[in-house]
Amino acid sequence: MAEASVRRKDQKGVIEGVADELECAICNEHFNQPKYLQCMHTFCAGCLEDLAKSRGGRKMLPCPLCRQETPVPKDGIRHGLKTNTMAVSILEKIKKKVINGGGDAMHSDEDRCQTHQGEYKTRG
């Protein structure tokens, strides 16, 4: 019983640590429509749009962390930059964990294998 309690504390610590890594360095909130720059740093689409506007329509956008420049796409930040789908997926799972108050934040119920009674499906 005590071992299960320790595992839950460890899991909570891991989840909190991962959640901290999913924060935008511009707004310090969890990512909202996370977009990659060419340097592979990720920021909220809205934060990048505000940054681009503050630069007066310049065609290059410097990364707020490493200063590497990324061309501002002609069709805009939201449509022209790639979405960090891994960040989106992890945030959704963490939010489910917080909202539901239990379960396993890294696996959703649809990941459970019906044949093996609760084991998780492997993705291949």
N, C-alpha and C. Protein backbone atom coordinates (compact mmCIF):
# COMPACT_ATOMS: atom_id res chain seq x y z
N MET A 1 0.82 -1.18 0.00
CA MET A 1 0.00 0.00 0.00
C MET A 1 0.87 1.26 0.00
N ALA A 2 1.91 1.28 0.84
CA ALA A 2 2.80 2.43 0.89
C ALA A 2 3.54 2.61 -0.43
N GLU A 3 3.88 1.49 -1.06
CA GLU A 3 4.58 1.54 -2.35
C GLU A 3 3.72 2.22 -3.41
N ALA A 4 2.43 1.94 -3.42
CA ALA A 4 1.51 2.57 -4.37
C ALA A 4 1.44 4.07 -4.13
N SER A 5 1.46 4.49 -2.89
CA SER A 5 1.44 5.90 -2.54
C SER A 5 2.69 6.61 -3.05
N VAL A 6 3.84 5.96 -2.91
CA VAL A 6 5.10 6.52 -3.40
C VAL A 6 5.06 6.64 -4.91
N ARG A 7 4.53 5.60 -5.60
CA ARG A 7 4.44 5.64 -7.06
C ARG A 7 3.56 6.79 -7.52
N ARG A 8 2.43 7.02 -6.83
CA ARG A 8 1.55 8.13 -7.20
C ARG A 8 2.25 9.47 -7.02
N LYS A 9 3.02 9.61 -5.94
CA LYS A 9 3.78 10.85 -5.72
C LYS A 9 4.82 11.03 -6.81
N ASP A 10 5.52 9.93 -7.16
CA ASP A 10 6.51 9.99 -8.23
C ASP A 10 5.86 10.37 -9.55
N GLN A 11 4.71 9.75 -9.84
CA GLN A 11 3.99 10.04 -11.08
C GLN A 11 3.57 11.50 -11.10
N LYS A 12 3.07 12.00 -9.99
CA LYS A 12 2.63 13.40 -9.92
C LYS A 12 3.81 14.33 -10.18
N GLY A 13 4.97 14.00 -9.60
CA GLY A 13 6.16 14.82 -9.81
C GLY A 13 6.60 14.82 -11.27
N VAL A 14 6.53 13.67 -11.90
CA VAL A 14 6.90 13.57 -13.32
C VAL A 14 5.92 14.39 -14.16
N ILE A 15 4.65 14.25 -13.88
CA ILE A 15 3.63 14.99 -14.64
C ILE A 15 3.84 16.49 -14.49
N GLU A 16 4.11 16.94 -13.26
CA GLU A 16 4.34 18.36 -13.04
C GLU A 16 5.60 18.83 -13.76
N GLY A 17 6.64 18.00 -13.76
CA GLY A 17 7.87 18.35 -14.46
C GLY A 17 7.67 18.45 -15.96
N VAL A 18 6.92 17.51 -16.52
CA VAL A 18 6.63 17.54 -17.95
C VAL A 18 5.76 18.76 -18.27
N ALA A 19 4.78 19.02 -17.44
CA ALA A 19 3.89 20.17 -17.67
C ALA A 19 4.69 21.47 -17.67
N ASP A 20 5.68 21.58 -16.79
CA ASP A 20 6.52 22.78 -16.75
C ASP A 20 7.27 22.98 -18.07
N GLU A 21 7.67 21.87 -18.70
CA GLU A 21 8.39 21.96 -19.97
C GLU A 21 7.47 22.34 -21.13
N LEU A 22 6.17 22.30 -20.90
CA LEU A 22 5.20 22.62 -21.95
C LEU A 22 4.65 24.03 -21.79
N GLU A 23 5.50 24.91 -21.24
CA GLU A 23 5.12 26.30 -21.07
C GLU A 23 5.85 27.17 -22.09
N CYS A 24 5.14 28.12 -22.62
CA CYS A 24 5.70 29.08 -23.57
C CYS A 24 6.63 30.03 -22.82
N ALA A 25 7.82 30.24 -23.35
CA ALA A 25 8.80 31.14 -22.73
C ALA A 25 8.42 32.60 -22.91
N ILE A 26 7.42 32.89 -23.73
CA ILE A 26 6.99 34.27 -23.92
C ILE A 26 5.91 34.63 -22.90
N CYS A 27 4.86 33.83 -22.80
CA CYS A 27 3.74 34.15 -21.91
C CYS A 27 3.78 33.40 -20.58
N ASN A 28 4.67 32.41 -20.46
CA ASN A 28 4.80 31.57 -19.26
C ASN A 28 3.52 30.83 -18.90
N GLU A 29 2.72 30.49 -19.90
CA GLU A 29 1.52 29.68 -19.74
C GLU A 29 1.73 28.40 -20.54
N HIS A 30 0.88 27.39 -20.29
CA HIS A 30 0.95 26.19 -21.13
C HIS A 30 0.69 26.60 -22.57
N PHE A 31 1.34 25.89 -23.49
CA PHE A 31 1.21 26.22 -24.91
C PHE A 31 -0.25 26.26 -25.35
N ASN A 32 -0.55 27.23 -26.17
CA ASN A 32 -1.84 27.35 -26.85
C ASN A 32 -1.52 27.41 -28.33
N GLN A 33 -1.88 26.39 -29.06
CA GLN A 33 -1.53 26.24 -30.48
C GLN A 33 -0.01 26.35 -30.65
N PRO A 34 0.74 25.40 -30.08
CA PRO A 34 2.20 25.47 -30.13
C PRO A 34 2.75 25.33 -31.55
N LYS A 35 3.64 26.25 -31.90
CA LYS A 35 4.25 26.28 -33.22
C LYS A 35 5.76 26.22 -33.11
N TYR A 36 6.39 25.44 -34.02
CA TYR A 36 7.84 25.33 -34.09
C TYR A 36 8.41 26.50 -34.89
N LEU A 37 9.55 27.01 -34.44
CA LEU A 37 10.38 27.86 -35.28
C LEU A 37 11.43 26.97 -35.94
N GLN A 38 12.21 27.51 -36.87
CA GLN A 38 13.21 26.68 -37.56
C GLN A 38 14.24 26.10 -36.61
N CYS A 39 14.49 26.76 -35.48
CA CYS A 39 15.45 26.27 -34.50
C CYS A 39 14.87 25.15 -33.65
N MET A 40 13.58 24.84 -33.85
CA MET A 40 12.85 23.80 -33.15
C MET A 40 12.36 24.22 -31.76
N HIS A 41 12.55 25.48 -31.37
CA HIS A 41 11.93 25.97 -30.14
C HIS A 41 10.45 26.17 -30.43
N THR A 42 9.63 26.02 -29.41
CA THR A 42 8.18 26.08 -29.55
C THR A 42 7.61 27.21 -28.72
N PHE A 43 6.62 27.90 -29.32
CA PHE A 43 5.92 29.01 -28.65
C PHE A 43 4.46 28.98 -29.08
N CYS A 44 3.61 29.66 -28.32
CA CYS A 44 2.20 29.78 -28.69
C CYS A 44 2.09 30.56 -30.00
N ALA A 45 1.14 30.17 -30.84
CA ALA A 45 0.92 30.88 -32.11
C ALA A 45 0.62 32.35 -31.84
N GLY A 46 -0.23 32.64 -30.87
CA GLY A 46 -0.59 34.03 -30.55
C GLY A 46 0.61 34.84 -30.09
N CYS A 47 1.47 34.23 -29.29
CA CYS A 47 2.66 34.93 -28.82
C CYS A 47 3.59 35.26 -29.99
N LEU A 48 3.73 34.31 -30.92
CA LEU A 48 4.57 34.56 -32.10
C LEU A 48 3.95 35.62 -32.99
N GLU A 49 2.62 35.62 -33.11
CA GLU A 49 1.95 36.67 -33.90
C GLU A 49 2.20 38.04 -33.28
N ASP A 50 2.08 38.14 -31.97
CA ASP A 50 2.34 39.42 -31.29
C ASP A 50 3.79 39.85 -31.49
N LEU A 51 4.72 38.90 -31.41
CA LEU A 51 6.12 39.21 -31.62
C LEU A 51 6.36 39.71 -33.04
N ALA A 52 5.74 39.04 -34.01
CA ALA A 52 5.89 39.45 -35.42
C ALA A 52 5.32 40.85 -35.63
N LYS A 53 4.16 41.15 -35.04
CA LYS A 53 3.56 42.49 -35.17
C LYS A 53 4.46 43.55 -34.55
N SER A 54 5.07 43.23 -33.42
CA SER A 54 5.93 44.20 -32.74
C SER A 54 7.18 44.51 -33.55
N ARG A 55 7.51 43.65 -34.49
CA ARG A 55 8.69 43.85 -35.34
C ARG A 55 8.35 44.62 -36.60
N GLY A 56 7.12 45.12 -36.69
CA GLY A 56 6.74 46.01 -37.79
C GLY A 56 6.70 45.36 -39.16
N GLY A 57 6.28 44.12 -39.24
CA GLY A 57 6.12 43.47 -40.53
C GLY A 57 7.41 42.96 -41.16
N ARG A 58 8.47 42.86 -40.39
CA ARG A 58 9.71 42.31 -40.94
C ARG A 58 9.49 40.87 -41.35
N LYS A 59 10.24 40.43 -42.33
CA LYS A 59 10.06 39.10 -42.91
C LYS A 59 10.73 37.99 -42.10
N MET A 60 11.58 38.36 -41.15
CA MET A 60 12.28 37.37 -40.32
C MET A 60 11.89 37.56 -38.86
N LEU A 61 11.72 36.43 -38.17
CA LEU A 61 11.31 36.43 -36.78
C LEU A 61 12.41 35.77 -35.95
N PRO A 62 13.06 36.51 -35.04
CA PRO A 62 14.11 35.88 -34.23
C PRO A 62 13.50 35.06 -33.09
N CYS A 63 14.08 33.93 -32.82
CA CYS A 63 13.65 33.10 -31.69
C CYS A 63 13.95 33.85 -30.40
N PRO A 64 12.97 33.95 -29.51
CA PRO A 64 13.21 34.63 -28.24
C PRO A 64 14.25 33.93 -27.35
N LEU A 65 14.54 32.66 -27.61
CA LEU A 65 15.51 31.94 -26.79
C LEU A 65 16.91 31.93 -27.38
N CYS A 66 17.03 31.61 -28.66
CA CYS A 66 18.36 31.45 -29.25
C CYS A 66 18.70 32.50 -30.32
N ARG A 67 17.72 33.30 -30.69
CA ARG A 67 17.86 34.40 -31.67
C ARG A 67 18.00 33.94 -33.12
N GLN A 68 17.95 32.63 -33.39
CA GLN A 68 17.98 32.17 -34.78
C GLN A 68 16.73 32.70 -35.47
N GLU A 69 16.88 33.17 -36.68
CA GLU A 69 15.76 33.77 -37.40
C GLU A 69 14.99 32.74 -38.21
N THR A 70 13.67 32.91 -38.22
CA THR A 70 12.76 32.08 -39.00
C THR A 70 11.98 33.01 -39.92
N PRO A 71 11.86 32.67 -41.20
CA PRO A 71 11.04 33.50 -42.09
C PRO A 71 9.58 33.50 -41.64
N VAL A 72 8.95 34.66 -41.66
CA VAL A 72 7.53 34.74 -41.35
C VAL A 72 6.77 34.23 -42.57
N PRO A 73 5.99 33.17 -42.43
CA PRO A 73 5.29 32.60 -43.59
C PRO A 73 4.29 33.59 -44.20
N LYS A 74 4.13 33.52 -45.52
CA LYS A 74 3.20 34.41 -46.21
C LYS A 74 1.77 34.20 -45.75
N ASP A 75 1.42 32.95 -45.39
CA ASP A 75 0.05 32.68 -44.95
C ASP A 75 -0.10 32.79 -43.44
N GLY A 76 0.88 33.40 -42.77
CA GLY A 76 0.78 33.70 -41.35
C GLY A 76 1.36 32.62 -40.45
N ILE A 77 1.50 33.00 -39.20
CA ILE A 77 2.08 32.11 -38.19
C ILE A 77 1.22 30.86 -37.98
N ARG A 78 -0.09 31.05 -37.79
CA ARG A 78 -0.98 29.93 -37.45
C ARG A 78 -1.05 28.88 -38.55
N HIS A 79 -1.01 29.32 -39.79
CA HIS A 79 -1.15 28.38 -40.92
C HIS A 79 0.19 28.02 -41.55
N GLY A 80 1.18 28.88 -41.38
CA GLY A 80 2.44 28.66 -42.07
C GLY A 80 3.51 27.92 -41.29
N LEU A 81 3.45 27.99 -39.97
CA LEU A 81 4.43 27.27 -39.15
C LEU A 81 3.85 25.93 -38.73
N LYS A 82 4.73 24.95 -38.58
CA LYS A 82 4.29 23.61 -38.18
C LYS A 82 3.87 23.59 -36.72
N THR A 83 2.81 22.82 -36.44
CA THR A 83 2.32 22.65 -35.09
C THR A 83 3.15 21.60 -34.37
N ASN A 84 3.47 21.84 -33.13
CA ASN A 84 4.17 20.86 -32.31
C ASN A 84 3.11 19.89 -31.79
N THR A 85 2.82 18.86 -32.58
CA THR A 85 1.74 17.93 -32.25
C THR A 85 2.05 17.10 -31.01
N MET A 86 3.32 16.87 -30.72
CA MET A 86 3.67 16.13 -29.51
C MET A 86 3.28 16.95 -28.28
N ALA A 87 3.57 18.24 -28.29
CA ALA A 87 3.19 19.10 -27.17
C ALA A 87 1.68 19.13 -27.01
N VAL A 88 0.95 19.22 -28.11
CA VAL A 88 -0.51 19.22 -28.06
C VAL A 88 -1.02 17.93 -27.42
N SER A 89 -0.49 16.80 -27.85
CA SER A 89 -0.92 15.50 -27.35
C SER A 89 -0.63 15.35 -25.86
N ILE A 90 0.56 15.70 -25.44
CA ILE A 90 0.93 15.56 -24.03
C ILE A 90 0.08 16.49 -23.17
N LEU A 91 -0.13 17.72 -23.62
CA LEU A 91 -0.96 18.64 -22.85
C LEU A 91 -2.39 18.13 -22.71
N GLU A 92 -2.92 17.56 -23.78
CA GLU A 92 -4.28 16.99 -23.70
C GLU A 92 -4.35 15.88 -22.67
N LYS A 93 -3.35 15.03 -22.65
CA LYS A 93 -3.34 13.93 -21.69
C LYS A 93 -3.18 14.43 -20.26
N ILE A 94 -2.35 15.43 -20.06
CA ILE A 94 -2.18 16.01 -18.72
C ILE A 94 -3.48 16.68 -18.28
N LYS A 95 -4.13 17.39 -19.18
CA LYS A 95 -5.40 18.03 -18.83
C LYS A 95 -6.45 17.00 -18.46
N LYS A 96 -6.49 15.88 -19.16
CA LYS A 96 -7.43 14.81 -18.81
C LYS A 96 -7.14 14.31 -17.40
N LYS A 97 -5.87 14.16 -17.07
CA LYS A 97 -5.47 13.69 -15.75
C LYS A 97 -5.94 14.68 -14.68
N VAL A 98 -5.74 15.96 -14.91
CA VAL A 98 -6.13 16.99 -13.94
C VAL A 98 -7.64 17.07 -13.82
N ILE A 99 -8.34 17.04 -14.95
CA ILE A 99 -9.80 17.16 -14.95
C ILE A 99 -10.43 15.92 -14.33
N ASN A 100 -9.95 14.75 -14.69
CA ASN A 100 -10.55 13.51 -14.20
C ASN A 100 -10.07 13.15 -12.80
N GLY A 101 -8.95 13.73 -12.38
CA GLY A 101 -8.45 13.51 -11.04
C GLY A 101 -7.97 12.10 -10.75
N GLY A 102 -7.63 11.37 -11.75
CA GLY A 102 -7.13 10.01 -11.50
C GLY A 102 -6.72 9.35 -12.78
N GLY A 103 -6.45 8.09 -12.71
CA GLY A 103 -6.06 7.34 -13.89
C GLY A 103 -4.61 7.56 -14.23
N ASP A 104 -4.28 7.26 -15.42
CA ASP A 104 -2.92 7.35 -15.91
C ASP A 104 -2.85 8.45 -16.95
N ALA A 105 -2.12 9.51 -16.67
CA ALA A 105 -2.07 10.67 -17.56
C ALA A 105 -1.39 10.36 -18.88
N MET A 106 -0.59 9.32 -18.92
CA MET A 106 0.13 9.02 -20.15
C MET A 106 -0.64 8.09 -21.07
N HIS A 107 -1.77 7.54 -20.62
CA HIS A 107 -2.57 6.65 -21.45
C HIS A 107 -4.03 7.01 -21.30
N SER A 108 -4.75 7.08 -22.39
CA SER A 108 -6.19 7.31 -22.31
C SER A 108 -6.92 5.97 -22.34
N ASP A 109 -8.21 5.99 -22.03
CA ASP A 109 -8.97 4.74 -21.99
C ASP A 109 -9.02 4.06 -23.35
N GLU A 110 -8.99 4.84 -24.45
CA GLU A 110 -9.05 4.19 -25.76
C GLU A 110 -7.75 3.45 -26.08
N ASP A 111 -6.67 3.71 -25.29
CA ASP A 111 -5.41 2.98 -25.47
C ASP A 111 -5.45 1.60 -24.82
N ARG A 112 -6.46 1.34 -24.01
CA ARG A 112 -6.53 0.06 -23.29
C ARG A 112 -6.94 -1.06 -24.24
N CYS A 113 -6.25 -2.17 -24.12
CA CYS A 113 -6.53 -3.34 -24.94
C CYS A 113 -7.67 -4.15 -24.32
N GLN A 114 -8.74 -4.35 -25.05
CA GLN A 114 -9.87 -5.11 -24.54
C GLN A 114 -9.53 -6.60 -24.38
N THR A 115 -8.69 -7.12 -25.24
CA THR A 115 -8.33 -8.53 -25.19
C THR A 115 -7.53 -8.86 -23.93
N HIS A 116 -6.62 -7.98 -23.54
CA HIS A 116 -5.73 -8.26 -22.42
C HIS A 116 -6.15 -7.55 -21.15
N GLN A 117 -7.40 -7.20 -21.05
CA GLN A 117 -8.00 -6.68 -19.82
C GLN A 117 -7.17 -5.59 -19.14
N GLY A 118 -7.07 -4.46 -19.79
CA GLY A 118 -6.45 -3.32 -19.13
C GLY A 118 -5.03 -3.02 -19.53
N GLU A 119 -4.34 -3.96 -20.20
CA GLU A 119 -3.01 -3.64 -20.66
C GLU A 119 -3.14 -2.61 -21.77
N TYR A 120 -2.08 -1.87 -22.01
CA TYR A 120 -2.13 -0.84 -23.02
C TYR A 120 -1.70 -1.39 -24.37
N LYS A 121 -2.36 -0.91 -25.41
CA LYS A 121 -2.01 -1.28 -26.77
C LYS A 121 -0.64 -0.69 -27.09
N THR A 122 0.12 -1.39 -27.88
CA THR A 122 1.36 -0.83 -28.39
C THR A 122 1.06 -0.19 -29.71
N ARG A 123 1.76 0.86 -29.99
CA ARG A 123 1.55 1.55 -31.27
C ARG A 123 2.71 1.21 -32.16
N GLY A 124 2.41 0.76 -33.33
CA GLY A 124 3.50 0.36 -34.19
C GLY A 124 3.35 0.76 -35.58
